[in-house]
Amino acid sequence: MAGSAHSTVGTARRERMRRTTTGTGRRGGPLPLAAVAAAFTLSQLLLVGTGMGLGWDETVYVSQVSGHIPTAFFSAPRARGISLLVAPIAAWSTSTALLRAYLAVLSGLALFLALRAWRGLLPVRVLAVAGALFASLWVTLFYGPQAMPNYWVAVGGLTAVACFLRARTGRTDRAALWGLAASAALMAWMRPVDAVWVTLPLLGLGLWRRHWRPLFVLLAGLAAGAAEWVIEAYVDYGGLASRLSAGSAIQGGLGFHLAVVDQLRSLGGRALCRPCTGALPHPMITGWWFALPVFAALGLVVAVRARRTAPTLLALGCAATAAFPYLFMIGYAAPRFLLPAYALLAIPVAGALVHLVTVPTRVPRRVVVALVALGLAGHLAVQLSVLHRTATRTTAAHREWTRTAAALHAIGVRQPCLVTGHEAIPVAFYAGCSSAATSGHNANSTAQEIARTARHIPVATLVPAGSRPPGYARHWPSVPLDGLRLYYAVPEAGS
């Protein structure tokens, strides 16, 4: 009788431990994950705000679905996923504040769903810490409310790894299969080539271990997401190979380029580091980057000891393939390129941090907890400082385009109209005009076509002060404007 009672107590204790480990007990509910996602959304609204105007790339994506602005030239590397994501707002409203709020809420919801997909694979406290680590990076907060695709590839990759792990088991998990298909489609919808890089380890594991069902679902999701991009390649770019070649040329020619130092330079808040020159940011800004692989490796060791090797190792593998082309195959840098890698690396790093503060060691636990808390507090302070500077600087830059658009309106360049020359795409968007270029990556017209257009609608050309205007604008009137020279032609009414 006593032995039976002892066995019952032991079984109950083991069950409690199992629930704590897998995150399926009461303390393993989704509430901590929802709190992280809600804090992420609120932080975007408070720290980035809704007053930051649209950036260059954003104007391209939003113009494709706007009901008020002519569409901008859509170059070969771009995909239309982000345009369709913002369409519910951009199709009927020109409010940037409303668009920012919509994306902030949507990005928070996406983070919650991505973290929730990992429940049952890792303890919920590890997932909550992973979500907080990823969400507190300045680059995540900065791009969460923006009409840019990289964040969505990141949450798609995070979800895909979890769903693949759940779907590869012998029993049928329909929710995991649907999640895998949807997350793969989301990534390919946003950036088809990036989606392939992120999922390479999943494809390799599926073939090696003959996980045919999740492998087929993953491939179907990628195909569904990339279908429009591939069709468009044949309709507008001369085929898939031609589009990939044109995309490579726009990115400076893909090949071996050591861009690790370029990425380090971009950590100080440079949205685009091209050409990437200048001094490296202060070591306090770049220090977390060097700590990242150390804690990720520790997280793998912890996972092996806890018999959770597969989730951590697969997250590490997908993070490595996601980062590889942007560290070793491209000749410039942007911090947003590595968002998918950061999202996936957050899993093993969180595992390492939770292990440090919960498992007894020779060092008193209070000391370990204090050191980890101090390190995280310093890291967060640095991230928020970079975020503040970057958001302030970016908002000021976008206001320059607003002023330029106002100057165009003052001289009579109003819809319907055309803008060419320096930063023509964003300036045209802010002014409500079309844009055109005769050379470069966004070439979509000729000098003769622009000259003919100027006979019928207002046309403006922006050139740096001291530079010669293009031939078609040489005899147009001009005015100085913030370090530029604005040449314009405004036909008389009825001409």
Protein backbone atom coordinates (compact mmCIF):
# COMPACT_ATOMS: atom_id res chain seq x y z
CA MET A 1 0.00 0.00 0.00
CA ALA A 2 2.81 2.37 0.94
CA GLY A 3 4.74 1.33 -2.16
CA SER A 4 1.73 2.05 -4.33
CA ALA A 5 1.31 5.50 -2.79
CA HIS A 6 5.01 6.23 -3.28
CA SER A 7 4.73 5.14 -6.92
CA THR A 8 1.70 7.38 -7.42
CA VAL A 9 3.51 10.39 -5.95
CA GLY A 10 6.54 9.69 -8.12
CA THR A 11 4.41 9.42 -11.23
CA ALA A 12 2.64 12.71 -10.43
CA ARG A 13 5.97 14.42 -9.86
CA ARG A 14 7.35 13.17 -13.16
CA GLU A 15 4.18 14.33 -14.92
CA ARG A 16 4.54 17.82 -13.42
CA MET A 17 8.17 17.90 -14.57
CA ARG A 18 7.15 16.76 -18.05
CA ARG A 19 4.51 19.48 -18.31
CA THR A 20 6.95 22.12 -17.16
CA THR A 21 9.57 20.93 -19.65
CA THR A 22 7.22 20.71 -22.63
CA GLY A 23 5.20 23.80 -21.77
CA THR A 24 1.90 21.94 -21.72
CA GLY A 25 0.98 22.53 -18.09
CA ARG A 26 -1.00 25.42 -16.78
CA ARG A 27 2.14 27.51 -16.46
CA GLY A 28 2.94 26.70 -20.05
CA GLY A 29 -0.08 28.47 -21.53
CA PRO A 30 0.10 31.06 -24.29
CA LEU A 31 -0.27 34.06 -21.96
CA PRO A 32 3.50 34.82 -21.67
CA LEU A 33 3.80 34.66 -25.45
CA ALA A 34 0.82 36.95 -25.89
CA ALA A 35 2.35 39.39 -23.41
CA VAL A 36 5.61 39.48 -25.39
CA ALA A 37 3.74 40.07 -28.66
CA ALA A 38 1.57 42.81 -27.12
CA ALA A 39 4.64 44.54 -25.68
CA PHE A 40 6.26 44.34 -29.12
CA THR A 41 3.30 46.05 -30.78
CA LEU A 42 3.07 48.71 -28.09
CA SER A 43 6.82 49.39 -28.28
CA GLN A 44 6.61 49.96 -32.02
CA LEU A 45 3.82 52.48 -31.60
CA LEU A 46 5.58 54.32 -28.78
CA LEU A 47 9.23 54.16 -29.86
CA VAL A 48 9.00 54.27 -33.65
CA GLY A 49 5.68 56.04 -33.83
CA THR A 50 3.29 56.53 -36.69
CA GLY A 51 4.67 59.87 -37.91
CA MET A 52 7.62 58.51 -39.87
CA GLY A 53 6.90 58.92 -43.57
CA LEU A 54 7.34 56.09 -46.05
CA GLY A 55 10.88 55.20 -47.13
CA TRP A 56 12.15 54.69 -50.68
CA ASP A 57 11.38 50.96 -50.91
CA GLU A 58 8.10 51.43 -49.08
CA THR A 59 6.89 53.93 -51.67
CA VAL A 60 7.54 51.35 -54.39
CA TYR A 61 5.60 48.62 -52.59
CA VAL A 62 2.70 50.83 -51.48
CA SER A 63 2.33 52.50 -54.89
CA GLN A 64 1.55 49.11 -56.47
CA VAL A 65 -1.78 48.92 -54.63
CA SER A 66 -2.51 52.56 -53.84
CA GLY A 67 -5.71 53.99 -55.16
CA HIS A 68 -4.22 57.50 -55.19
CA ILE A 69 -0.59 57.26 -56.38
CA PRO A 70 0.74 56.09 -59.78
CA THR A 71 2.67 52.83 -59.59
CA ALA A 72 6.45 53.08 -59.37
CA PHE A 73 8.86 50.95 -61.41
CA PHE A 74 9.05 47.42 -59.93
CA SER A 75 12.57 46.03 -60.32
CA ALA A 76 13.45 42.35 -60.76
CA PRO A 77 14.40 41.37 -57.16
CA ARG A 78 11.17 42.65 -55.63
CA ALA A 79 8.15 40.50 -54.85
CA ARG A 80 4.58 41.65 -54.40
CA GLY A 81 3.82 40.01 -51.07
CA ILE A 82 4.30 43.14 -48.99
CA SER A 83 2.22 45.17 -51.46
CA LEU A 84 -0.69 42.79 -51.02
CA LEU A 85 -0.19 42.78 -47.24
CA VAL A 86 -0.67 46.56 -47.07
CA ALA A 87 -3.44 46.67 -49.67
CA PRO A 88 -6.31 46.62 -47.13
CA ILE A 89 -5.14 50.04 -45.95
CA ALA A 90 -3.23 51.52 -48.90
CA ALA A 91 -6.01 50.84 -51.41
CA TRP A 92 -8.34 53.37 -49.81
CA SER A 93 -6.29 55.57 -47.47
CA THR A 94 -3.19 57.72 -47.85
CA SER A 95 -2.65 57.88 -44.08
CA THR A 96 0.85 56.72 -43.19
CA ALA A 97 -0.09 56.75 -39.49
CA LEU A 98 -2.93 54.31 -40.11
CA LEU A 99 -0.66 52.08 -42.18
CA ARG A 100 2.02 52.06 -39.45
CA ALA A 101 -0.53 51.17 -36.77
CA TYR A 102 -1.98 48.39 -38.94
CA LEU A 103 1.47 46.87 -39.53
CA ALA A 104 2.46 47.18 -35.86
CA VAL A 105 -0.61 45.22 -34.78
CA LEU A 106 -0.18 42.69 -37.57
CA SER A 107 3.51 42.14 -36.81
CA GLY A 108 2.72 41.58 -33.12
CA LEU A 109 0.07 39.02 -34.00
CA ALA A 110 2.48 37.28 -36.37
CA LEU A 111 5.13 37.06 -33.64
CA PHE A 112 2.61 35.51 -31.25
CA LEU A 113 1.58 32.88 -33.81
CA ALA A 114 5.21 32.08 -34.63
CA LEU A 115 6.10 31.58 -30.96
CA ARG A 116 2.91 29.62 -30.29
CA ALA A 117 3.88 27.16 -33.03
CA TRP A 118 6.83 26.13 -30.83
CA ARG A 119 4.68 25.12 -27.84
CA GLY A 120 5.28 21.49 -27.00
CA LEU A 121 8.76 21.60 -28.52
CA LEU A 122 10.40 23.90 -25.97
CA PRO A 123 9.39 25.27 -22.56
CA VAL A 124 7.17 28.32 -22.81
CA ARG A 125 9.56 30.38 -20.68
CA VAL A 126 12.29 29.73 -23.27
CA LEU A 127 9.93 30.80 -26.05
CA ALA A 128 8.92 33.94 -24.18
CA VAL A 129 12.57 34.89 -23.67
CA ALA A 130 13.32 34.13 -27.33
CA GLY A 131 10.46 36.35 -28.45
CA ALA A 132 11.57 39.15 -26.14
CA LEU A 133 15.16 38.94 -27.38
CA PHE A 134 14.13 39.14 -31.02
CA ALA A 135 11.45 41.78 -30.46
CA SER A 136 13.79 44.07 -28.50
CA LEU A 137 16.41 44.39 -31.24
CA TRP A 138 16.35 47.89 -32.72
CA VAL A 139 16.16 46.50 -36.24
CA THR A 140 13.09 44.38 -35.37
CA LEU A 141 11.30 47.30 -33.72
CA PHE A 142 12.26 49.64 -36.57
CA TYR A 143 11.05 47.40 -39.40
CA GLY A 144 8.04 45.81 -37.69
CA PRO A 145 5.71 48.71 -38.64
CA GLN A 146 7.27 49.27 -42.06
CA ALA A 147 6.04 48.07 -45.43
CA MET A 148 9.15 45.93 -45.93
CA PRO A 149 9.33 42.15 -46.45
CA ASN A 150 12.24 41.02 -44.24
CA TYR A 151 10.38 40.86 -40.92
CA TRP A 152 7.74 38.67 -42.52
CA VAL A 153 10.36 36.27 -43.84
CA ALA A 154 11.70 36.13 -40.27
CA VAL A 155 8.41 35.18 -38.60
CA GLY A 156 7.61 32.87 -41.51
CA GLY A 157 10.92 31.06 -41.03
CA LEU A 158 10.43 30.80 -37.28
CA THR A 159 6.97 29.29 -37.80
CA ALA A 160 8.09 26.96 -40.58
CA VAL A 161 10.83 25.33 -38.48
CA ALA A 162 8.43 24.66 -35.61
CA CYS A 163 5.68 23.30 -37.86
CA PHE A 164 8.13 21.08 -39.74
CA LEU A 165 9.37 19.61 -36.45
CA ARG A 166 5.81 18.90 -35.33
CA ALA A 167 4.71 17.52 -38.71
CA ARG A 168 7.61 15.10 -39.13
CA THR A 169 6.40 12.85 -36.30
CA GLY A 170 4.56 9.68 -37.14
CA ARG A 171 1.13 10.94 -36.12
CA THR A 172 -0.79 13.31 -38.35
CA ASP A 173 -0.79 16.92 -37.11
CA ARG A 174 -3.04 18.80 -39.48
CA ALA A 175 -2.50 22.12 -37.75
CA ALA A 176 1.27 21.73 -38.15
CA LEU A 177 0.92 20.83 -41.84
CA TRP A 178 -1.30 23.84 -42.51
CA GLY A 179 1.07 26.05 -40.54
CA LEU A 180 4.02 24.74 -42.53
CA ALA A 181 2.29 25.41 -45.84
CA ALA A 182 1.17 28.90 -44.80
CA SER A 183 4.55 29.96 -43.38
CA ALA A 184 6.42 28.66 -46.44
CA ALA A 185 4.00 30.49 -48.73
CA LEU A 186 4.38 33.68 -46.68
CA MET A 187 8.17 33.63 -47.02
CA ALA A 188 8.08 32.93 -50.76
CA TRP A 189 5.34 35.53 -51.19
CA MET A 190 7.61 38.13 -49.62
CA ARG A 191 11.07 37.12 -50.91
CA PRO A 192 11.21 33.88 -52.94
CA VAL A 193 14.99 33.52 -52.97
CA ASP A 194 15.27 34.18 -49.24
CA ALA A 195 12.59 31.56 -48.62
CA VAL A 196 14.73 28.94 -50.32
CA TRP A 197 17.80 29.85 -48.27
CA VAL A 198 15.85 29.75 -45.00
CA THR A 199 14.31 26.35 -45.71
CA LEU A 200 17.38 24.56 -47.10
CA PRO A 201 17.98 22.59 -43.86
CA LEU A 202 14.30 21.61 -43.75
CA LEU A 203 14.46 20.38 -47.34
CA GLY A 204 17.67 18.50 -46.63
CA LEU A 205 16.31 16.88 -43.46
CA GLY A 206 13.10 15.91 -45.20
CA LEU A 207 15.01 14.12 -47.95
CA TRP A 208 17.54 12.51 -45.62
CA ARG A 209 15.03 11.19 -43.08
CA ARG A 210 12.32 10.59 -45.69
CA HIS A 211 9.76 12.83 -44.06
CA TRP A 212 7.75 12.85 -47.27
CA ARG A 213 4.55 14.44 -46.03
CA PRO A 214 6.07 17.59 -44.45
CA LEU A 215 8.54 17.79 -47.33
CA PHE A 216 5.73 17.79 -49.89
CA VAL A 217 3.76 20.37 -47.88
CA LEU A 218 6.84 22.59 -47.57
CA LEU A 219 7.49 22.44 -51.31
CA ALA A 220 3.82 23.09 -52.07
CA GLY A 221 3.85 26.14 -49.80
CA LEU A 222 7.00 27.53 -51.41
CA ALA A 223 5.56 26.94 -54.88
CA ALA A 224 2.25 28.60 -54.01
CA GLY A 225 3.98 31.67 -52.55
CA ALA A 226 6.43 32.03 -55.43
CA ALA A 227 3.96 31.30 -58.25
CA GLU A 228 3.09 34.93 -58.98
CA TRP A 229 6.77 35.93 -58.94
CA VAL A 230 7.68 33.15 -61.39
CA ILE A 231 4.76 33.93 -63.72
CA GLU A 232 5.68 37.61 -63.68
CA ALA A 233 9.25 36.64 -64.55
CA TYR A 234 8.06 35.13 -67.84
CA VAL A 235 5.55 37.89 -68.57
CA ASP A 236 7.70 40.95 -67.83
CA TYR A 237 11.35 39.91 -67.43
CA GLY A 238 12.04 37.41 -70.19
CA GLY A 239 11.96 34.29 -68.06
CA LEU A 240 12.99 33.06 -64.65
CA ALA A 241 16.71 32.93 -65.45
CA SER A 242 16.60 36.47 -66.83
CA ARG A 243 14.83 37.79 -63.75
CA LEU A 244 17.32 36.11 -61.42
CA SER A 245 20.19 37.50 -63.50
CA ALA A 246 18.70 41.01 -63.47
CA GLY A 247 18.17 40.76 -59.72
CA SER A 248 21.78 39.73 -59.23
CA ALA A 249 22.99 42.67 -61.33
CA ILE A 250 20.90 45.14 -59.32
CA GLN A 251 22.45 43.76 -56.13
CA GLY A 252 25.94 44.30 -57.49
CA GLY A 253 26.48 40.81 -58.86
CA LEU A 254 26.05 37.87 -56.52
CA GLY A 255 29.24 35.95 -55.84
CA PHE A 256 31.81 35.74 -53.10
CA HIS A 257 31.74 39.00 -51.12
CA LEU A 258 32.83 39.14 -47.51
CA ALA A 259 30.10 41.38 -46.07
CA VAL A 260 30.56 40.52 -42.38
CA VAL A 261 32.30 43.83 -41.63
CA ASP A 262 29.69 45.66 -43.71
CA GLN A 263 26.95 44.20 -41.52
CA LEU A 264 28.86 45.32 -38.44
CA ARG A 265 29.00 48.87 -39.83
CA SER A 266 25.25 48.82 -40.39
CA LEU A 267 24.50 47.95 -36.75
CA GLY A 268 24.85 51.59 -35.78
CA GLY A 269 21.59 52.42 -37.52
CA ARG A 270 22.45 52.59 -41.23
CA ALA A 271 19.36 51.39 -43.05
CA LEU A 272 21.40 50.78 -46.20
CA CYS A 273 25.18 50.52 -46.18
CA ARG A 274 26.02 50.92 -49.89
CA PRO A 275 28.85 51.64 -50.36
CA CYS A 276 29.68 50.44 -46.88
CA THR A 277 32.60 52.59 -45.75
CA GLY A 278 33.54 54.46 -42.62
CA ALA A 279 34.47 53.49 -39.09
CA LEU A 280 32.83 50.66 -37.17
CA PRO A 281 30.27 51.61 -34.52
CA HIS A 282 31.30 51.72 -30.86
CA PRO A 283 32.03 48.25 -29.39
CA MET A 284 29.04 48.66 -27.08
CA ILE A 285 26.83 48.71 -30.17
CA THR A 286 28.44 45.71 -31.89
CA GLY A 287 29.22 43.64 -28.78
CA TRP A 288 25.96 41.69 -28.84
CA TRP A 289 26.78 40.50 -32.34
CA PHE A 290 29.91 38.74 -31.09
CA ALA A 291 28.07 37.31 -28.08
CA LEU A 292 25.35 35.87 -30.31
CA PRO A 293 27.26 32.82 -31.65
CA VAL A 294 28.71 32.10 -28.19
CA PHE A 295 25.29 31.92 -26.53
CA ALA A 296 23.85 30.05 -29.53
CA ALA A 297 26.55 27.38 -29.15
CA LEU A 298 25.87 27.19 -25.41
CA GLY A 299 22.18 26.85 -26.17
CA LEU A 300 22.92 23.87 -28.42
CA VAL A 301 24.95 22.20 -25.65
CA VAL A 302 22.09 22.76 -23.20
CA ALA A 303 19.60 21.35 -25.71
CA VAL A 304 21.68 18.22 -26.27
CA ARG A 305 21.86 17.56 -22.53
CA ALA A 306 18.11 18.14 -22.18
CA ARG A 307 17.40 15.85 -25.14
CA ARG A 308 15.94 18.69 -27.18
CA THR A 309 18.62 18.60 -29.85
CA ALA A 310 16.43 18.60 -32.96
CA PRO A 311 14.53 21.89 -32.39
CA THR A 312 17.65 23.83 -31.44
CA LEU A 313 19.90 22.33 -34.09
CA LEU A 314 17.35 22.89 -36.86
CA ALA A 315 16.81 26.50 -35.78
CA LEU A 316 20.59 27.03 -35.85
CA GLY A 317 20.89 25.42 -39.28
CA CYS A 318 18.14 27.56 -40.79
CA ALA A 319 19.63 30.68 -39.20
CA ALA A 320 23.00 29.87 -40.78
CA THR A 321 21.59 29.35 -44.28
CA ALA A 322 19.40 32.45 -43.97
CA ALA A 323 22.43 34.59 -43.06
CA PHE A 324 24.92 33.03 -45.50
CA PRO A 325 24.05 34.97 -48.71
CA TYR A 326 24.01 38.29 -46.86
CA LEU A 327 27.33 37.65 -45.15
CA PHE A 328 29.27 36.06 -48.01
CA MET A 329 27.50 36.68 -51.34
CA ILE A 330 26.54 40.34 -51.53
CA GLY A 331 28.72 43.42 -51.71
CA TYR A 332 26.78 45.69 -49.36
CA ALA A 333 24.74 45.46 -46.18
CA ALA A 334 21.46 46.37 -44.53
CA PRO A 335 20.62 45.25 -41.00
CA ARG A 336 17.14 44.10 -42.03
CA PHE A 337 18.67 41.39 -44.25
CA LEU A 338 19.58 39.34 -41.16
CA LEU A 339 16.19 39.51 -39.43
CA PRO A 340 15.36 35.86 -40.32
CA ALA A 341 18.67 34.72 -38.83
CA TYR A 342 18.11 36.76 -35.65
CA ALA A 343 14.62 35.30 -35.17
CA LEU A 344 15.91 31.74 -35.42
CA LEU A 345 19.03 32.34 -33.33
CA ALA A 346 16.84 33.68 -30.54
CA ILE A 347 15.72 30.10 -29.84
CA PRO A 348 19.10 28.65 -28.75
CA VAL A 349 20.20 31.92 -27.14
CA ALA A 350 17.06 31.97 -24.99
CA GLY A 351 17.67 28.35 -24.03
CA ALA A 352 21.17 29.24 -22.87
CA LEU A 353 20.01 32.24 -20.82
CA VAL A 354 17.20 30.32 -19.13
CA HIS A 355 19.63 27.53 -18.29
CA LEU A 356 22.09 29.98 -16.74
CA VAL A 357 19.55 31.47 -14.36
CA THR A 358 17.72 28.28 -13.40
CA VAL A 359 20.27 25.46 -13.16
CA PRO A 360 22.45 25.35 -10.00
CA THR A 361 26.17 25.98 -10.54
CA ARG A 362 29.22 26.56 -8.39
CA VAL A 363 28.56 30.29 -8.65
CA PRO A 364 25.69 31.44 -6.39
CA ARG A 365 22.48 31.74 -8.38
CA ARG A 366 21.91 35.31 -7.23
CA VAL A 367 25.22 36.32 -8.75
CA VAL A 368 24.42 34.61 -12.06
CA VAL A 369 20.94 36.15 -12.21
CA ALA A 370 22.34 39.59 -11.42
CA LEU A 371 25.01 39.31 -14.13
CA VAL A 372 22.53 38.10 -16.76
CA ALA A 373 20.03 40.81 -15.81
CA LEU A 374 22.74 43.48 -15.95
CA GLY A 375 23.91 42.29 -19.36
CA LEU A 376 20.40 42.22 -20.77
CA ALA A 377 19.62 45.66 -19.35
CA GLY A 378 22.74 47.12 -20.99
CA HIS A 379 21.93 45.38 -24.25
CA LEU A 380 18.38 46.77 -24.21
CA ALA A 381 19.62 50.28 -23.44
CA VAL A 382 21.96 50.15 -26.44
CA GLN A 383 19.21 48.84 -28.73
CA LEU A 384 16.78 51.57 -27.69
CA SER A 385 19.45 54.24 -28.14
CA VAL A 386 20.22 53.11 -31.68
CA LEU A 387 16.49 52.85 -32.41
CA HIS A 388 15.85 56.41 -31.23
CA ARG A 389 18.66 57.85 -33.35
CA THR A 390 17.68 55.85 -36.41
CA ALA A 391 13.98 56.70 -36.20
CA THR A 392 14.72 60.39 -35.63
CA ARG A 393 17.16 60.57 -38.54
CA THR A 394 14.86 58.64 -40.87
CA THR A 395 11.85 60.80 -40.03
CA ALA A 396 13.87 63.94 -40.80
CA ALA A 397 15.03 62.49 -44.14
CA HIS A 398 11.49 61.64 -45.16
CA ARG A 399 10.34 65.15 -44.32
CA GLU A 400 12.79 66.45 -46.92
CA TRP A 401 10.80 64.57 -49.55
CA THR A 402 7.64 66.17 -48.20
CA ARG A 403 9.22 69.61 -48.61
CA THR A 404 10.36 68.79 -52.12
CA ALA A 405 6.85 67.66 -53.01
CA ALA A 406 5.46 70.92 -51.64
CA ALA A 407 7.95 72.86 -53.78
CA LEU A 408 6.81 70.94 -56.85
CA HIS A 409 3.19 71.76 -56.13
CA ALA A 410 4.09 75.44 -55.65
CA ILE A 411 5.52 75.72 -59.18
CA GLY A 412 2.58 73.91 -60.74
CA VAL A 413 3.84 70.31 -60.89
CA ARG A 414 0.65 68.53 -59.82
CA GLN A 415 -1.24 65.40 -60.78
CA PRO A 416 -1.02 64.20 -63.46
CA CYS A 417 2.74 64.81 -63.47
CA LEU A 418 6.13 63.12 -63.88
CA VAL A 419 9.33 63.36 -61.81
CA THR A 420 12.80 62.28 -62.97
CA GLY A 421 16.33 62.57 -61.68
CA HIS A 422 17.69 62.47 -58.11
CA GLU A 423 15.52 60.34 -55.76
CA ALA A 424 12.72 60.54 -58.30
CA ILE A 425 10.79 57.51 -56.98
CA PRO A 426 10.12 58.69 -53.41
CA VAL A 427 9.73 62.34 -54.42
CA ALA A 428 7.19 61.35 -57.08
CA PHE A 429 5.25 59.31 -54.52
CA TYR A 430 5.08 62.20 -52.07
CA ALA A 431 4.04 64.57 -54.86
CA GLY A 432 1.46 62.19 -56.32
CA CYS A 433 3.32 61.90 -59.62
CA SER A 434 4.71 59.14 -61.79
CA SER A 435 8.48 58.63 -61.90
CA ALA A 436 10.86 57.81 -64.73
CA ALA A 437 14.54 57.07 -65.28
CA THR A 438 16.57 56.62 -68.44
CA SER A 439 19.47 54.71 -66.86
CA GLY A 440 20.35 52.71 -63.79
CA HIS A 441 18.48 49.90 -62.05
CA ASN A 442 15.10 51.65 -62.34
CA ALA A 443 15.32 52.61 -66.02
CA ASN A 444 11.84 52.54 -67.51
CA SER A 445 11.82 55.34 -70.09
CA THR A 446 13.87 57.27 -72.65
CA ALA A 447 14.84 60.92 -72.98
CA GLN A 448 12.57 61.22 -76.03
CA GLU A 449 9.57 59.86 -74.13
CA ILE A 450 10.14 62.26 -71.24
CA ALA A 451 10.44 65.21 -73.62
CA ARG A 452 7.18 64.25 -75.32
CA THR A 453 5.45 63.84 -71.94
CA ALA A 454 6.55 67.37 -70.95
CA ARG A 455 4.46 68.79 -73.78
CA HIS A 456 1.27 67.50 -72.20
CA ILE A 457 1.70 67.26 -68.41
CA PRO A 458 4.03 68.90 -65.84
CA VAL A 459 7.46 67.29 -65.61
CA ALA A 460 10.19 67.99 -63.03
CA THR A 461 13.82 66.89 -63.00
CA LEU A 462 15.99 66.98 -59.87
CA VAL A 463 19.78 67.15 -60.19
CA PRO A 464 22.47 67.78 -57.57
CA ALA A 465 23.51 71.43 -57.39
CA GLY A 466 26.36 72.11 -59.81
CA SER A 467 25.55 69.14 -62.04
CA ARG A 468 24.35 69.46 -65.61
CA PRO A 469 20.71 68.58 -66.29
CA PRO A 470 19.78 65.97 -68.90
CA GLY A 471 19.42 67.23 -72.45
CA TYR A 472 15.64 67.34 -72.43
CA ALA A 473 15.64 69.70 -69.41
CA ARG A 474 18.53 71.96 -70.41
CA HIS A 475 16.32 74.84 -71.47
CA TRP A 476 13.68 74.47 -68.78
CA PRO A 477 13.37 77.08 -65.99
CA SER A 478 14.93 76.02 -62.71
CA VAL A 479 15.06 76.90 -59.01
CA PRO A 480 17.45 75.89 -56.20
CA LEU A 481 16.10 73.43 -53.64
CA ASP A 482 17.99 72.02 -50.60
CA GLY A 483 21.27 71.29 -52.35
CA LEU A 484 19.52 70.37 -55.58
CA ARG A 485 18.49 72.15 -58.75
CA LEU A 486 14.88 71.68 -59.77
CA TYR A 487 14.18 71.95 -63.51
CA TYR A 488 10.54 71.92 -64.56
CA ALA A 489 8.20 72.20 -67.50
CA VAL A 490 4.56 73.07 -66.92
CA PRO A 491 2.52 73.14 -70.17
CA GLU A 492 -0.17 75.72 -70.51
CA ALA A 493 -3.70 74.53 -69.94
CA GLY A 494 -5.17 72.98 -73.06
CA SER A 495 -1.82 72.44 -74.76
